[in-house]
Amino acid sequence: MLNLTNGSKLALISPYLIPKRAICDPEITLKLPPLLTAATGIDALTHCIETFLSPLVNPPAEAIALDGAKRAWRYIQRAVANGGDREARWEMMMAALEGGLTFQKGLGAVHSLSHAAGALRSPTLHHGMLNGVFLPHILRFNSGHVGEKYARLREVFLLDNNADLAEAVILLLRNLGMPLTLSEMGFRQEHIAATVTRAMADHSNATTPRRPFADDFETLLRAAL
């Protein structure tokens, strides 16, 4: 029997749960408010980036993840600025779909931390906003452990060859009006210990390019605070 009241985030996987049809209709997202558009869009972007950076070898999934990251990066600001922009909404829906298709490659430390911090009873923290806060820190943490993949991300993001990906993400978050720190969301220093414990146990650690230890997670959380 599963305990679903302890703050754990679980993945329930079974062939009996696979739908015969999946309707991905951007029309139903046209009235999503700007902040939720930004937060869910950053979630989709993070899915694509983390699955692309996963060390598991799956070239087709990797190509899909890179394409999804490109779409999210180039269209998220348009979708937030004008929720009725049907082209931008279609592109963001496709980015979200592609991020989901590539989950088979696994996620990484951004999700280890956001799953853990999102398990807090109070404050209640939005998953996409947490991903946004953690993403720049994990991009720095993983630097030097992903081969040429950062160069490929810079290319599809239309950044200079020597651009700092973490700083580019921070600028994007700022332009979207997203929180840049955990403290802005109500996360406090006393939440760190429990979050580290949960992050260490998270399944996303198995596919992160650089495996964090408990002191790494604590350092990352303090930096994000």
N, C-alpha and C. Protein backbone atom coordinates (compact mmCIF):
# COMPACT_ATOMS: atom_id res chain seq x y z
N MET A 1 0.86 -1.19 0.00
CA MET A 1 0.00 0.00 0.00
C MET A 1 0.89 1.23 0.00
N LEU A 2 0.60 2.19 -0.88
CA LEU A 2 1.41 3.38 -0.99
C LEU A 2 0.89 4.47 -0.06
N ASN A 3 1.83 5.15 0.59
CA ASN A 3 1.47 6.29 1.42
C ASN A 3 1.61 7.54 0.57
N LEU A 4 0.49 8.12 0.18
CA LEU A 4 0.52 9.30 -0.68
C LEU A 4 0.36 10.59 0.12
N THR A 5 0.53 10.53 1.44
CA THR A 5 0.37 11.73 2.28
C THR A 5 1.70 12.17 2.89
N ASN A 6 2.81 11.56 2.46
CA ASN A 6 4.09 11.89 3.08
C ASN A 6 4.93 12.86 2.26
N GLY A 7 4.34 13.44 1.20
CA GLY A 7 5.07 14.41 0.39
C GLY A 7 5.86 13.80 -0.74
N SER A 8 5.89 12.48 -0.84
CA SER A 8 6.65 11.84 -1.92
C SER A 8 5.99 12.08 -3.27
N LYS A 9 6.83 12.20 -4.31
CA LYS A 9 6.31 12.29 -5.68
C LYS A 9 6.64 10.98 -6.36
N LEU A 10 5.61 10.25 -6.78
CA LEU A 10 5.79 8.91 -7.30
C LEU A 10 5.43 8.85 -8.78
N ALA A 11 6.08 7.97 -9.49
CA ALA A 11 5.74 7.69 -10.89
C ALA A 11 5.08 6.32 -10.93
N LEU A 12 3.86 6.27 -11.41
CA LEU A 12 3.12 5.02 -11.53
C LEU A 12 3.19 4.59 -13.00
N ILE A 13 3.85 3.48 -13.28
CA ILE A 13 4.11 3.05 -14.65
C ILE A 13 3.51 1.68 -14.87
N SER A 14 2.72 1.57 -15.93
CA SER A 14 2.11 0.28 -16.26
C SER A 14 1.63 0.34 -17.71
N PRO A 15 1.73 -0.78 -18.44
CA PRO A 15 1.16 -0.80 -19.81
C PRO A 15 -0.34 -0.55 -19.80
N TYR A 16 -1.01 -0.79 -18.67
CA TYR A 16 -2.45 -0.56 -18.59
C TYR A 16 -2.80 0.93 -18.48
N LEU A 17 -1.79 1.77 -18.25
CA LEU A 17 -2.02 3.21 -18.12
C LEU A 17 -1.71 3.97 -19.41
N ILE A 18 -1.27 3.26 -20.45
CA ILE A 18 -0.92 3.92 -21.71
C ILE A 18 -2.20 4.17 -22.51
N PRO A 19 -2.50 5.43 -22.82
CA PRO A 19 -3.73 5.71 -23.57
C PRO A 19 -3.59 5.34 -25.04
N LYS A 20 -4.71 5.06 -25.67
CA LYS A 20 -4.72 4.80 -27.11
C LYS A 20 -4.65 6.11 -27.90
N ARG A 21 -5.12 7.19 -27.33
CA ARG A 21 -5.09 8.49 -27.98
C ARG A 21 -4.64 9.53 -26.95
N ALA A 22 -3.88 10.50 -27.42
CA ALA A 22 -3.49 11.64 -26.58
C ALA A 22 -3.82 12.91 -27.36
N ILE A 23 -4.67 13.75 -26.81
CA ILE A 23 -5.07 14.98 -27.48
C ILE A 23 -4.20 16.13 -26.96
N CYS A 24 -3.36 16.64 -27.82
CA CYS A 24 -2.49 17.77 -27.47
C CYS A 24 -2.98 18.97 -28.27
N ASP A 25 -3.88 19.72 -27.69
CA ASP A 25 -4.56 20.82 -28.40
C ASP A 25 -4.16 22.16 -27.78
N PRO A 26 -3.35 22.95 -28.47
CA PRO A 26 -2.94 24.24 -27.91
C PRO A 26 -4.10 25.21 -27.71
N GLU A 27 -5.23 24.97 -28.37
CA GLU A 27 -6.38 25.86 -28.20
C GLU A 27 -6.85 25.92 -26.75
N ILE A 28 -6.69 24.83 -26.01
CA ILE A 28 -7.17 24.83 -24.63
C ILE A 28 -6.22 25.57 -23.69
N THR A 29 -5.08 26.03 -24.21
CA THR A 29 -4.12 26.77 -23.37
C THR A 29 -4.20 28.28 -23.59
N LEU A 30 -5.06 28.74 -24.50
CA LEU A 30 -5.05 30.15 -24.89
C LEU A 30 -5.36 31.10 -23.73
N LYS A 31 -6.13 30.65 -22.76
CA LYS A 31 -6.51 31.52 -21.64
C LYS A 31 -5.70 31.25 -20.37
N LEU A 32 -4.66 30.44 -20.49
CA LEU A 32 -3.80 30.20 -19.33
C LEU A 32 -3.11 31.51 -18.95
N PRO A 33 -3.17 31.93 -17.68
CA PRO A 33 -2.59 33.21 -17.28
C PRO A 33 -1.09 33.27 -17.54
N PRO A 34 -0.53 34.48 -17.68
CA PRO A 34 0.89 34.64 -18.03
C PRO A 34 1.85 33.92 -17.09
N LEU A 35 1.65 34.03 -15.77
CA LEU A 35 2.60 33.43 -14.84
C LEU A 35 2.58 31.90 -14.95
N LEU A 36 1.38 31.32 -15.09
CA LEU A 36 1.31 29.87 -15.25
C LEU A 36 1.83 29.44 -16.61
N THR A 37 1.64 30.27 -17.62
CA THR A 37 2.22 29.98 -18.93
C THR A 37 3.74 29.94 -18.82
N ALA A 38 4.30 30.91 -18.10
CA ALA A 38 5.76 30.96 -17.92
C ALA A 38 6.25 29.76 -17.13
N ALA A 39 5.58 29.45 -16.02
CA ALA A 39 6.05 28.37 -15.14
C ALA A 39 5.95 27.00 -15.80
N THR A 40 4.83 26.74 -16.47
CA THR A 40 4.69 25.45 -17.14
C THR A 40 5.60 25.37 -18.37
N GLY A 41 5.82 26.52 -19.00
CA GLY A 41 6.74 26.54 -20.14
C GLY A 41 8.17 26.27 -19.73
N ILE A 42 8.58 26.84 -18.59
CA ILE A 42 9.92 26.57 -18.07
C ILE A 42 10.05 25.11 -17.66
N ASP A 43 8.97 24.53 -17.16
CA ASP A 43 8.98 23.10 -16.85
C ASP A 43 9.25 22.29 -18.11
N ALA A 44 8.56 22.62 -19.20
CA ALA A 44 8.77 21.91 -20.46
C ALA A 44 10.20 22.10 -20.96
N LEU A 45 10.70 23.33 -20.88
CA LEU A 45 12.08 23.60 -21.29
C LEU A 45 13.07 22.78 -20.47
N THR A 46 12.84 22.72 -19.17
CA THR A 46 13.74 21.96 -18.29
C THR A 46 13.70 20.47 -18.60
N HIS A 47 12.51 19.94 -18.89
CA HIS A 47 12.41 18.53 -19.29
C HIS A 47 13.30 18.26 -20.51
N CYS A 48 13.21 19.14 -21.49
CA CYS A 48 13.98 18.94 -22.72
C CYS A 48 15.48 19.06 -22.46
N ILE A 49 15.88 20.06 -21.67
CA ILE A 49 17.30 20.25 -21.40
C ILE A 49 17.86 19.08 -20.60
N GLU A 50 17.14 18.68 -19.55
CA GLU A 50 17.69 17.61 -18.70
C GLU A 50 17.72 16.26 -19.41
N THR A 51 16.71 15.96 -20.20
CA THR A 51 16.75 14.69 -20.93
C THR A 51 17.84 14.73 -22.00
N PHE A 52 18.05 15.89 -22.62
CA PHE A 52 19.13 16.02 -23.60
C PHE A 52 20.48 15.79 -22.93
N LEU A 53 20.66 16.30 -21.73
CA LEU A 53 21.94 16.19 -21.03
C LEU A 53 22.14 14.85 -20.35
N SER A 54 21.09 14.05 -20.23
CA SER A 54 21.22 12.73 -19.60
C SER A 54 22.31 11.92 -20.31
N PRO A 55 23.15 11.21 -19.56
CA PRO A 55 24.22 10.43 -20.17
C PRO A 55 23.75 9.14 -20.83
N LEU A 56 22.49 8.76 -20.66
CA LEU A 56 22.00 7.56 -21.33
C LEU A 56 22.06 7.74 -22.84
N VAL A 57 22.41 6.68 -23.55
CA VAL A 57 22.57 6.76 -25.00
C VAL A 57 21.26 6.41 -25.69
N ASN A 58 20.67 7.40 -26.34
CA ASN A 58 19.43 7.21 -27.09
C ASN A 58 19.36 8.36 -28.10
N PRO A 59 20.06 8.24 -29.23
CA PRO A 59 20.13 9.35 -30.18
C PRO A 59 18.77 9.88 -30.66
N PRO A 60 17.77 9.03 -30.98
CA PRO A 60 16.49 9.59 -31.41
C PRO A 60 15.83 10.45 -30.33
N ALA A 61 15.84 9.95 -29.08
CA ALA A 61 15.25 10.72 -27.98
C ALA A 61 16.03 12.01 -27.75
N GLU A 62 17.35 11.94 -27.89
CA GLU A 62 18.18 13.12 -27.70
C GLU A 62 17.85 14.19 -28.74
N ALA A 63 17.63 13.77 -29.98
CA ALA A 63 17.27 14.71 -31.04
C ALA A 63 15.92 15.36 -30.76
N ILE A 64 14.97 14.57 -30.27
CA ILE A 64 13.65 15.11 -29.93
C ILE A 64 13.78 16.12 -28.80
N ALA A 65 14.59 15.80 -27.78
CA ALA A 65 14.77 16.71 -26.65
C ALA A 65 15.38 18.03 -27.10
N LEU A 66 16.36 17.96 -27.98
CA LEU A 66 17.01 19.18 -28.46
C LEU A 66 16.03 20.03 -29.27
N ASP A 67 15.20 19.38 -30.08
CA ASP A 67 14.20 20.11 -30.84
C ASP A 67 13.19 20.77 -29.91
N GLY A 68 12.76 20.06 -28.88
CA GLY A 68 11.82 20.64 -27.92
C GLY A 68 12.41 21.81 -27.17
N ALA A 69 13.68 21.71 -26.80
CA ALA A 69 14.34 22.81 -26.11
C ALA A 69 14.39 24.04 -27.01
N LYS A 70 14.68 23.83 -28.28
CA LYS A 70 14.73 24.94 -29.24
C LYS A 70 13.37 25.63 -29.33
N ARG A 71 12.30 24.86 -29.46
CA ARG A 71 10.97 25.44 -29.58
C ARG A 71 10.60 26.23 -28.33
N ALA A 72 10.83 25.65 -27.15
CA ALA A 72 10.47 26.33 -25.91
C ALA A 72 11.25 27.62 -25.75
N TRP A 73 12.55 27.57 -26.01
CA TRP A 73 13.41 28.74 -25.83
C TRP A 73 12.97 29.88 -26.75
N ARG A 74 12.60 29.55 -27.97
CA ARG A 74 12.30 30.60 -28.95
C ARG A 74 10.88 31.14 -28.86
N TYR A 75 9.97 30.41 -28.21
CA TYR A 75 8.57 30.82 -28.25
C TYR A 75 7.95 31.12 -26.88
N ILE A 76 8.63 30.81 -25.80
CA ILE A 76 8.00 30.98 -24.49
C ILE A 76 7.68 32.43 -24.19
N GLN A 77 8.56 33.35 -24.56
CA GLN A 77 8.29 34.76 -24.26
C GLN A 77 7.09 35.28 -25.06
N ARG A 78 6.94 34.82 -26.28
CA ARG A 78 5.77 35.21 -27.07
C ARG A 78 4.49 34.68 -26.44
N ALA A 79 4.51 33.43 -25.99
CA ALA A 79 3.32 32.83 -25.39
C ALA A 79 2.93 33.56 -24.11
N VAL A 80 3.92 33.98 -23.33
CA VAL A 80 3.64 34.70 -22.08
C VAL A 80 3.14 36.10 -22.37
N ALA A 81 3.74 36.77 -23.35
CA ALA A 81 3.36 38.16 -23.66
C ALA A 81 1.97 38.23 -24.27
N ASN A 82 1.60 37.22 -25.05
CA ASN A 82 0.30 37.22 -25.73
C ASN A 82 -0.26 35.81 -25.73
N GLY A 83 -1.10 35.53 -24.75
CA GLY A 83 -1.65 34.18 -24.61
C GLY A 83 -2.45 33.73 -25.81
N GLY A 84 -2.93 34.67 -26.61
CA GLY A 84 -3.70 34.32 -27.79
C GLY A 84 -2.87 34.07 -29.03
N ASP A 85 -1.55 34.11 -28.90
CA ASP A 85 -0.65 33.86 -30.03
C ASP A 85 -0.68 32.35 -30.33
N ARG A 86 -1.45 31.98 -31.31
CA ARG A 86 -1.66 30.56 -31.59
C ARG A 86 -0.40 29.85 -32.05
N GLU A 87 0.45 30.53 -32.80
CA GLU A 87 1.70 29.91 -33.23
C GLU A 87 2.58 29.59 -32.02
N ALA A 88 2.71 30.58 -31.12
CA ALA A 88 3.54 30.37 -29.93
C ALA A 88 2.96 29.27 -29.05
N ARG A 89 1.64 29.24 -28.91
CA ARG A 89 1.00 28.20 -28.10
C ARG A 89 1.23 26.82 -28.72
N TRP A 90 1.16 26.72 -30.04
CA TRP A 90 1.40 25.44 -30.70
C TRP A 90 2.83 24.97 -30.47
N GLU A 91 3.77 25.90 -30.60
CA GLU A 91 5.17 25.55 -30.41
C GLU A 91 5.44 25.11 -28.97
N MET A 92 4.83 25.77 -28.00
CA MET A 92 5.03 25.40 -26.60
C MET A 92 4.37 24.05 -26.30
N MET A 93 3.22 23.79 -26.91
CA MET A 93 2.60 22.48 -26.74
C MET A 93 3.49 21.39 -27.31
N MET A 94 4.10 21.66 -28.45
CA MET A 94 5.00 20.67 -29.05
C MET A 94 6.23 20.47 -28.17
N ALA A 95 6.76 21.55 -27.60
CA ALA A 95 7.92 21.42 -26.71
C ALA A 95 7.57 20.58 -25.48
N ALA A 96 6.38 20.80 -24.93
CA ALA A 96 5.95 20.01 -23.77
C ALA A 96 5.80 18.54 -24.14
N LEU A 97 5.22 18.28 -25.31
CA LEU A 97 5.06 16.90 -25.77
C LEU A 97 6.42 16.24 -25.96
N GLU A 98 7.34 16.94 -26.61
CA GLU A 98 8.65 16.36 -26.88
C GLU A 98 9.42 16.11 -25.58
N GLY A 99 9.27 17.00 -24.61
CA GLY A 99 9.90 16.76 -23.32
C GLY A 99 9.39 15.48 -22.67
N GLY A 100 8.08 15.26 -22.78
CA GLY A 100 7.50 14.02 -22.24
C GLY A 100 7.95 12.79 -22.98
N LEU A 101 8.07 12.89 -24.30
CA LEU A 101 8.50 11.75 -25.10
C LEU A 101 9.91 11.30 -24.74
N THR A 102 10.72 12.21 -24.22
CA THR A 102 12.12 11.88 -23.96
C THR A 102 12.39 11.54 -22.49
N PHE A 103 11.33 11.40 -21.69
CA PHE A 103 11.53 11.00 -20.30
C PHE A 103 12.28 9.67 -20.19
N GLN A 104 12.20 8.85 -21.24
CA GLN A 104 12.89 7.56 -21.19
C GLN A 104 14.39 7.72 -21.01
N LYS A 105 14.95 8.91 -21.34
CA LYS A 105 16.37 9.16 -21.11
C LYS A 105 16.66 9.55 -19.66
N GLY A 106 15.61 9.86 -18.90
CA GLY A 106 15.80 10.25 -17.52
C GLY A 106 16.02 11.75 -17.39
N LEU A 107 15.80 12.25 -16.19
CA LEU A 107 15.97 13.67 -15.91
C LEU A 107 17.30 13.89 -15.18
N GLY A 108 17.35 14.84 -14.26
CA GLY A 108 18.63 15.12 -13.61
C GLY A 108 18.44 15.84 -12.29
N ALA A 109 19.48 16.53 -11.84
CA ALA A 109 19.49 17.11 -10.50
C ALA A 109 18.53 18.27 -10.34
N VAL A 110 18.17 18.95 -11.42
CA VAL A 110 17.13 19.99 -11.30
C VAL A 110 15.86 19.36 -10.75
N HIS A 111 15.48 18.23 -11.31
CA HIS A 111 14.26 17.57 -10.86
C HIS A 111 14.43 16.88 -9.52
N SER A 112 15.62 16.40 -9.21
CA SER A 112 15.85 15.86 -7.86
C SER A 112 15.52 16.92 -6.82
N LEU A 113 15.98 18.14 -7.07
CA LEU A 113 15.75 19.22 -6.12
C LEU A 113 14.32 19.73 -6.15
N SER A 114 13.74 19.87 -7.34
CA SER A 114 12.38 20.40 -7.40
C SER A 114 11.36 19.39 -6.88
N HIS A 115 11.59 18.10 -7.12
CA HIS A 115 10.72 17.09 -6.50
C HIS A 115 10.81 17.19 -4.98
N ALA A 116 12.03 17.34 -4.47
CA ALA A 116 12.24 17.37 -3.02
C ALA A 116 11.65 18.62 -2.39
N ALA A 117 11.91 19.78 -2.97
CA ALA A 117 11.38 21.03 -2.42
C ALA A 117 9.87 21.10 -2.60
N GLY A 118 9.37 20.52 -3.69
CA GLY A 118 7.93 20.52 -3.93
C GLY A 118 7.16 19.62 -2.98
N ALA A 119 7.87 18.77 -2.25
CA ALA A 119 7.21 17.87 -1.29
C ALA A 119 6.91 18.56 0.04
N LEU A 120 7.40 19.78 0.23
CA LEU A 120 7.12 20.49 1.47
C LEU A 120 5.62 20.73 1.62
N ARG A 121 5.11 20.55 2.84
CA ARG A 121 3.70 20.82 3.09
C ARG A 121 3.43 22.33 3.07
N SER A 122 4.38 23.07 3.61
CA SER A 122 4.24 24.53 3.65
C SER A 122 5.64 25.14 3.62
N PRO A 123 5.90 26.03 2.68
CA PRO A 123 4.99 26.56 1.66
C PRO A 123 4.77 25.55 0.54
N THR A 124 3.68 25.74 -0.20
CA THR A 124 3.41 24.94 -1.38
C THR A 124 4.09 25.61 -2.57
N LEU A 125 5.03 24.91 -3.17
CA LEU A 125 5.88 25.51 -4.20
C LEU A 125 5.56 24.93 -5.57
N HIS A 126 5.47 25.80 -6.57
CA HIS A 126 5.13 25.36 -7.93
C HIS A 126 6.32 24.66 -8.58
N HIS A 127 6.05 23.50 -9.17
CA HIS A 127 7.13 22.68 -9.75
C HIS A 127 7.90 23.43 -10.84
N GLY A 128 7.19 24.06 -11.75
CA GLY A 128 7.87 24.77 -12.84
C GLY A 128 8.71 25.93 -12.35
N MET A 129 8.21 26.65 -11.34
CA MET A 129 8.98 27.76 -10.77
C MET A 129 10.24 27.24 -10.08
N LEU A 130 10.12 26.13 -9.38
CA LEU A 130 11.29 25.53 -8.76
C LEU A 130 12.32 25.12 -9.81
N ASN A 131 11.86 24.52 -10.91
CA ASN A 131 12.78 24.15 -11.98
C ASN A 131 13.53 25.38 -12.49
N GLY A 132 12.82 26.49 -12.64
CA GLY A 132 13.47 27.71 -13.11
C GLY A 132 14.54 28.19 -12.17
N VAL A 133 14.27 28.16 -10.87
CA VAL A 133 15.25 28.61 -9.89
C VAL A 133 16.48 27.71 -9.90
N PHE A 134 16.26 26.39 -9.98
CA PHE A 134 17.38 25.45 -9.87
C PHE A 134 18.18 25.30 -11.18
N LEU A 135 17.55 25.53 -12.32
CA LEU A 135 18.20 25.23 -13.59
C LEU A 135 19.54 25.94 -13.77
N PRO A 136 19.67 27.24 -13.53
CA PRO A 136 20.98 27.87 -13.72
C PRO A 136 22.07 27.28 -12.82
N HIS A 137 21.70 26.94 -11.59
CA HIS A 137 22.68 26.39 -10.65
C HIS A 137 23.16 25.01 -11.11
N ILE A 138 22.24 24.20 -11.63
CA ILE A 138 22.62 22.87 -12.08
C ILE A 138 23.39 22.93 -13.39
N LEU A 139 23.08 23.89 -14.24
CA LEU A 139 23.87 24.06 -15.46
C LEU A 139 25.33 24.36 -15.10
N ARG A 140 25.55 25.18 -14.09
CA ARG A 140 26.92 25.46 -13.63
C ARG A 140 27.55 24.22 -13.01
N PHE A 141 26.75 23.50 -12.21
CA PHE A 141 27.25 22.30 -11.52
C PHE A 141 27.67 21.23 -12.52
N ASN A 142 26.92 21.09 -13.62
CA ASN A 142 27.20 20.06 -14.61
C ASN A 142 28.27 20.46 -15.62
N SER A 143 28.68 21.71 -15.59
CA SER A 143 29.65 22.19 -16.58
C SER A 143 30.91 21.33 -16.55
N GLY A 144 31.38 20.93 -17.73
CA GLY A 144 32.55 20.07 -17.81
C GLY A 144 32.23 18.59 -17.75
N HIS A 145 30.94 18.24 -17.63
CA HIS A 145 30.53 16.84 -17.52
C HIS A 145 29.56 16.43 -18.62
N VAL A 146 29.40 17.27 -19.64
CA VAL A 146 28.37 16.99 -20.66
C VAL A 146 28.95 16.99 -22.08
N GLY A 147 30.25 16.94 -22.21
CA GLY A 147 30.86 16.91 -23.54
C GLY A 147 30.56 18.18 -24.32
N GLU A 148 30.09 18.02 -25.56
CA GLU A 148 29.80 19.17 -26.44
C GLU A 148 28.33 19.60 -26.38
N LYS A 149 27.59 19.08 -25.43
CA LYS A 149 26.15 19.34 -25.43
C LYS A 149 25.80 20.80 -25.13
N TYR A 150 26.60 21.48 -24.32
CA TYR A 150 26.31 22.90 -24.07
C TYR A 150 26.48 23.71 -25.35
N ALA A 151 27.45 23.34 -26.16
CA ALA A 151 27.65 24.04 -27.43
C ALA A 151 26.44 23.85 -28.33
N ARG A 152 25.86 22.67 -28.32
CA ARG A 152 24.68 22.41 -29.14
C ARG A 152 23.47 23.18 -28.62
N LEU A 153 23.35 23.31 -27.31
CA LEU A 153 22.27 24.12 -26.75
C LEU A 153 22.45 25.59 -27.12
N ARG A 154 23.67 26.09 -27.01
CA ARG A 154 23.92 27.49 -27.41
C ARG A 154 23.51 27.71 -28.86
N GLU A 155 23.80 26.74 -29.70
CA GLU A 155 23.49 26.87 -31.12
C GLU A 155 21.98 27.00 -31.35
N VAL A 156 21.18 26.11 -30.75
CA VAL A 156 19.74 26.16 -30.99
C VAL A 156 19.09 27.33 -30.25
N PHE A 157 19.75 27.83 -29.19
CA PHE A 157 19.24 28.99 -28.47
C PHE A 157 19.69 30.30 -29.11
N LEU A 158 20.47 30.21 -30.20
CA LEU A 158 20.97 31.38 -30.93
C LEU A 158 21.84 32.27 -30.04
N LEU A 159 22.68 31.63 -29.22
CA LEU A 159 23.60 32.34 -28.34
C LEU A 159 25.00 32.33 -28.92
N ASP A 160 25.84 33.26 -28.46
CA ASP A 160 27.24 33.27 -28.87
C ASP A 160 27.92 31.99 -28.40
N ASN A 161 29.00 31.63 -29.07
CA ASN A 161 29.72 30.39 -28.74
C ASN A 161 30.24 30.37 -27.31
N ASN A 162 30.56 31.54 -26.78
CA ASN A 162 31.11 31.59 -25.42
C ASN A 162 30.09 32.08 -24.40
N ALA A 163 28.81 32.08 -24.76
CA ALA A 163 27.78 32.55 -23.84
C ALA A 163 27.66 31.63 -22.63
N ASP A 164 27.34 32.21 -21.50
CA ASP A 164 27.11 31.48 -20.26
C ASP A 164 25.65 31.02 -20.25
N LEU A 165 25.43 29.72 -20.38
CA LEU A 165 24.06 29.21 -20.43
C LEU A 165 23.26 29.56 -19.18
N ALA A 166 23.90 29.46 -18.03
CA ALA A 166 23.20 29.76 -16.78
C ALA A 166 22.73 31.21 -16.77
N GLU A 167 23.59 32.13 -17.20
CA GLU A 167 23.20 33.54 -17.23
C GLU A 167 22.11 33.79 -18.26
N ALA A 168 22.15 33.06 -19.37
CA ALA A 168 21.10 33.20 -20.38
C ALA A 168 19.75 32.75 -19.82
N VAL A 169 19.75 31.67 -19.04
CA VAL A 169 18.52 31.21 -18.41
C VAL A 169 18.01 32.24 -17.40
N ILE A 170 18.91 32.80 -16.61
CA ILE A 170 18.51 33.82 -15.63
C ILE A 170 17.87 35.02 -16.32
N LEU A 171 18.45 35.45 -17.44
CA LEU A 171 17.87 36.56 -18.19
C LEU A 171 16.48 36.19 -18.71
N LEU A 172 16.32 34.96 -19.20
CA LEU A 172 15.01 34.52 -19.67
C LEU A 172 14.01 34.54 -18.53
N LEU A 173 14.37 34.01 -17.37
CA LEU A 173 13.47 33.99 -16.21
C LEU A 173 13.07 35.41 -15.81
N ARG A 174 14.04 36.30 -15.82
CA ARG A 174 13.76 37.70 -15.46
C ARG A 174 12.78 38.32 -16.45
N ASN A 175 12.98 38.07 -17.72
CA ASN A 175 12.08 38.61 -18.74
C ASN A 175 10.66 38.05 -18.61
N LEU A 176 10.56 36.83 -18.08
CA LEU A 176 9.25 36.19 -17.91
C LEU A 176 8.57 36.57 -16.60
N GLY A 177 9.28 37.29 -15.72
CA GLY A 177 8.72 37.64 -14.43
C GLY A 177 8.69 36.49 -13.45
N MET A 178 9.59 35.53 -13.65
CA MET A 178 9.65 34.34 -12.79
C MET A 178 10.55 34.61 -11.58
N PRO A 179 10.31 33.92 -10.45
CA PRO A 179 11.22 34.06 -9.31
C PRO A 179 12.61 33.54 -9.65
N LEU A 180 13.61 34.19 -9.09
CA LEU A 180 15.00 33.80 -9.32
C LEU A 180 15.62 33.12 -8.11
N THR A 181 14.97 33.20 -6.97
CA THR A 181 15.51 32.61 -5.75
C THR A 181 14.42 31.82 -5.02
N LEU A 182 14.85 30.89 -4.18
CA LEU A 182 13.91 30.13 -3.37
C LEU A 182 13.22 30.99 -2.33
N SER A 183 13.95 31.97 -1.79
CA SER A 183 13.37 32.81 -0.75
C SER A 183 12.17 33.61 -1.28
N GLU A 184 12.20 33.96 -2.56
CA GLU A 184 11.05 34.65 -3.15
C GLU A 184 9.80 33.79 -3.12
N MET A 185 10.00 32.47 -3.07
CA MET A 185 8.87 31.54 -3.09
C MET A 185 8.45 31.11 -1.69
N GLY A 186 9.18 31.55 -0.66
CA GLY A 186 8.84 31.20 0.71
C GLY A 186 9.67 30.08 1.31
N PHE A 187 10.59 29.53 0.52
CA PHE A 187 11.50 28.49 1.02
C PHE A 187 12.50 29.14 1.97
N ARG A 188 12.72 28.49 3.14
CA ARG A 188 13.60 29.08 4.14
C ARG A 188 14.74 28.12 4.49
N GLN A 189 15.71 28.64 5.20
CA GLN A 189 16.91 27.87 5.54
C GLN A 189 16.56 26.59 6.30
N GLU A 190 15.53 26.65 7.14
CA GLU A 190 15.18 25.46 7.93
C GLU A 190 14.60 24.33 7.08
N HIS A 191 14.29 24.60 5.83
CA HIS A 191 13.79 23.56 4.93
C HIS A 191 14.90 22.78 4.24
N ILE A 192 16.13 23.24 4.39
CA ILE A 192 17.23 22.67 3.61
C ILE A 192 17.49 21.20 3.95
N ALA A 193 17.57 20.87 5.23
CA ALA A 193 17.96 19.51 5.63
C ALA A 193 17.00 18.46 5.06
N ALA A 194 15.69 18.68 5.23
CA ALA A 194 14.72 17.71 4.73
C ALA A 194 14.76 17.63 3.20
N THR A 195 15.00 18.77 2.56
CA THR A 195 15.05 18.78 1.10
C THR A 195 16.26 18.01 0.60
N VAL A 196 17.39 18.14 1.27
CA VAL A 196 18.58 17.38 0.89
C VAL A 196 18.31 15.88 1.00
N THR A 197 17.67 15.46 2.08
CA THR A 197 17.37 14.04 2.28
C THR A 197 16.50 13.50 1.16
N ARG A 198 15.47 14.25 0.81
CA ARG A 198 14.57 13.81 -0.27
C ARG A 198 15.28 13.83 -1.62
N ALA A 199 16.10 14.85 -1.85
CA ALA A 199 16.80 14.95 -3.13
C ALA A 199 17.76 13.78 -3.32
N MET A 200 18.42 13.37 -2.27
CA MET A 200 19.34 12.24 -2.36
C MET A 200 18.61 10.95 -2.74
N ALA A 201 17.35 10.83 -2.33
CA ALA A 201 16.59 9.61 -2.60
C ALA A 201 15.84 9.66 -3.92
N ASP A 202 15.91 10.79 -4.62
CA ASP A 202 15.10 10.95 -5.82
C ASP A 202 15.63 10.10 -6.98
N HIS A 203 14.71 9.57 -7.78
CA HIS A 203 15.08 8.69 -8.89
C HIS A 203 15.82 9.42 -10.01
N SER A 204 15.69 10.74 -10.09
CA SER A 204 16.34 11.49 -11.17
C SER A 204 17.86 11.51 -11.04
N ASN A 205 18.38 11.19 -9.86
CA ASN A 205 19.83 11.17 -9.68
C ASN A 205 20.52 10.11 -10.54
N ALA A 206 19.77 9.10 -10.93
CA ALA A 206 20.39 8.00 -11.68
C ALA A 206 20.83 8.43 -13.07
N THR A 207 20.28 9.53 -13.59
CA THR A 207 20.59 9.93 -14.96
C THR A 207 21.11 11.37 -15.04
N THR A 208 21.63 11.88 -13.95
CA THR A 208 22.22 13.22 -14.00
C THR A 208 23.66 13.11 -14.50
N PRO A 209 24.16 14.06 -15.29
CA PRO A 209 25.52 13.95 -15.83
C PRO A 209 26.60 13.93 -14.75
N ARG A 210 26.34 14.63 -13.65
CA ARG A 210 27.27 14.66 -12.52
C ARG A 210 26.48 14.36 -11.26
N ARG A 211 26.81 13.27 -10.61
CA ARG A 211 26.04 12.83 -9.44
C ARG A 211 26.34 13.70 -8.22
N PRO A 212 25.34 14.39 -7.68
CA PRO A 212 25.57 15.20 -6.48
C PRO A 212 25.55 14.34 -5.21
N PHE A 213 26.38 14.72 -4.26
CA PHE A 213 26.34 14.15 -2.92
C PHE A 213 25.52 15.09 -2.03
N ALA A 214 25.29 14.67 -0.79
CA ALA A 214 24.45 15.46 0.11
C ALA A 214 25.00 16.87 0.30
N ASP A 215 26.32 16.99 0.45
CA ASP A 215 26.88 18.33 0.64
C ASP A 215 26.75 19.18 -0.63
N ASP A 216 26.75 18.53 -1.80
CA ASP A 216 26.52 19.26 -3.05
C ASP A 216 25.10 19.82 -3.08
N PHE A 217 24.13 18.99 -2.72
CA PHE A 217 22.74 19.47 -2.71
C PHE A 217 22.57 20.61 -1.71
N GLU A 218 23.21 20.50 -0.55
CA GLU A 218 23.10 21.58 0.43
C GLU A 218 23.70 22.87 -0.12
N THR A 219 24.87 22.76 -0.76
CA THR A 219 25.50 23.93 -1.34
C THR A 219 24.62 24.56 -2.42
N LEU A 220 24.02 23.71 -3.26
CA LEU A 220 23.15 24.20 -4.33
C LEU A 220 21.92 24.89 -3.76
N LEU A 221 21.34 24.34 -2.72
CA LEU A 221 20.16 24.95 -2.11
C LEU A 221 20.50 26.29 -1.47
N ARG A 222 21.62 26.37 -0.80
CA ARG A 222 22.03 27.64 -0.21
C ARG A 222 22.32 28.68 -1.28
N ALA A 223 22.90 28.25 -2.37
CA ALA A 223 23.16 29.20 -3.48
C ALA A 223 21.86 29.69 -4.09
N ALA A 224 20.85 28.82 -4.13
CA ALA A 224 19.56 29.20 -4.73
C ALA A 224 18.69 29.99 -3.78
N LEU A 225 19.05 30.01 -2.51
CA LEU A 225 18.21 30.65 -1.48
C LEU A 225 18.16 32.16 -1.69
